């Protein structure tokens, strides 16, 4: 499931012509509130250095919990801290 870093996975989805970024979404932890998750289509995000952007909103990568294909397959997931 977890092949490469989060940035590598997102870069592959966004830039590899064999991938369709419309087939993926990310799940983020919204404002650090446990259980407050939000789904965002990958096609709406712009990759930055330490952050990604949705329009003018800057969000740190550490908020991403998982990257999921629309068919439900998890392609990357944050390691548990437990």
Protein backbone atom coordinates (compact mmCIF):
# COMPACT_ATOMS: atom_id res chain seq x y z
CA UNK A 1 0.00 0.00 0.00
CA UNK A 2 2.56 2.59 1.08
CA UNK A 3 5.01 2.89 -1.82
CA UNK A 4 7.16 5.99 -1.52
CA UNK A 5 6.68 9.22 0.35
CA UNK A 6 3.45 11.16 0.29
CA UNK A 7 4.96 13.78 -2.02
CA UNK A 8 6.17 11.07 -4.42
CA UNK A 9 2.72 9.47 -4.54
CA UNK A 10 0.97 12.79 -5.16
CA UNK A 11 3.53 13.87 -7.78
CA UNK A 12 3.05 10.57 -9.63
CA UNK A 13 -0.74 10.96 -9.59
CA UNK A 14 -0.55 14.57 -10.80
CA UNK A 15 2.23 14.27 -13.40
CA UNK A 16 2.36 10.68 -14.69
CA UNK A 17 0.39 10.52 -17.96
CA UNK A 18 -0.69 6.96 -17.08
CA UNK A 19 -2.60 8.29 -14.06
CA UNK A 20 -5.82 10.29 -14.02
CA UNK A 21 -5.76 12.69 -11.07
CA UNK A 22 -9.56 12.82 -11.22
CA UNK A 23 -9.60 9.22 -9.98
CA UNK A 24 -8.08 10.13 -6.60
CA UNK A 25 -8.82 12.14 -3.50
CA UNK A 26 -6.96 12.91 -0.30
CA UNK A 27 -8.38 12.70 3.21
CA UNK A 28 -7.12 15.39 5.58
CA UNK A 29 -7.49 15.90 9.30
CA UNK A 30 -9.28 19.23 9.39
CA UNK A 31 -7.76 21.68 11.92
CA UNK A 32 -6.26 18.89 14.01
CA UNK A 33 -9.64 17.84 15.39
CA UNK A 34 -9.66 14.08 15.89
CA UNK A 35 -12.27 12.46 13.67
CA UNK A 36 -12.92 15.67 11.72
CA UNK A 37 -11.87 14.43 8.28
CA UNK A 38 -12.42 16.08 4.92
CA UNK A 39 -12.15 14.57 1.40
CA UNK A 40 -10.51 16.70 -1.29
CA UNK A 41 -10.15 15.69 -4.98
CA UNK A 42 -6.48 15.56 -6.00
CA UNK A 43 -7.29 17.58 -9.12
CA UNK A 44 -8.09 20.59 -6.87
CA UNK A 45 -4.71 20.68 -5.12
CA UNK A 46 -1.43 22.27 -6.19
CA UNK A 47 1.74 20.77 -4.76
CA UNK A 48 4.18 23.01 -2.92
CA UNK A 49 7.37 22.42 -0.93
CA UNK A 50 6.13 21.89 2.63
CA UNK A 51 2.50 22.63 1.88
CA UNK A 52 -0.13 21.96 -0.75
CA UNK A 53 -2.61 24.56 -1.90
CA UNK A 54 -6.34 24.62 -2.57
CA UNK A 55 -6.78 27.94 -4.28
CA UNK A 56 -5.11 30.43 -1.96
CA UNK A 57 -5.40 28.18 1.11
CA UNK A 58 -2.10 26.67 2.25
CA UNK A 59 -2.30 23.33 4.11
CA UNK A 60 0.69 21.39 5.50
CA UNK A 61 1.28 17.87 4.17
CA UNK A 62 1.24 16.40 7.68
CA UNK A 63 -2.55 16.91 7.74
CA UNK A 64 -3.02 14.33 4.99
CA UNK A 65 -4.19 11.04 6.50
CA UNK A 66 -4.55 9.00 3.31
CA UNK A 67 -4.69 9.06 -0.48
CA UNK A 68 -7.55 7.02 -1.92
CA UNK A 69 -8.71 5.99 -5.38
CA UNK A 70 -12.39 6.59 -6.09
CA UNK A 71 -12.92 2.82 -6.10
CA UNK A 72 -11.98 2.87 -2.39
CA UNK A 73 -8.44 1.47 -2.67
CA UNK A 74 -6.06 3.24 -0.27
CA UNK A 75 -2.80 3.97 -2.10
CA UNK A 76 -1.03 5.77 0.74
CA UNK A 77 -1.81 6.05 4.44
CA UNK A 78 -0.14 7.90 7.28
CA UNK A 79 1.60 5.63 9.74
CA UNK A 80 -0.07 5.36 13.10
CA UNK A 81 1.65 7.03 16.05
CA UNK A 82 0.40 4.30 18.44
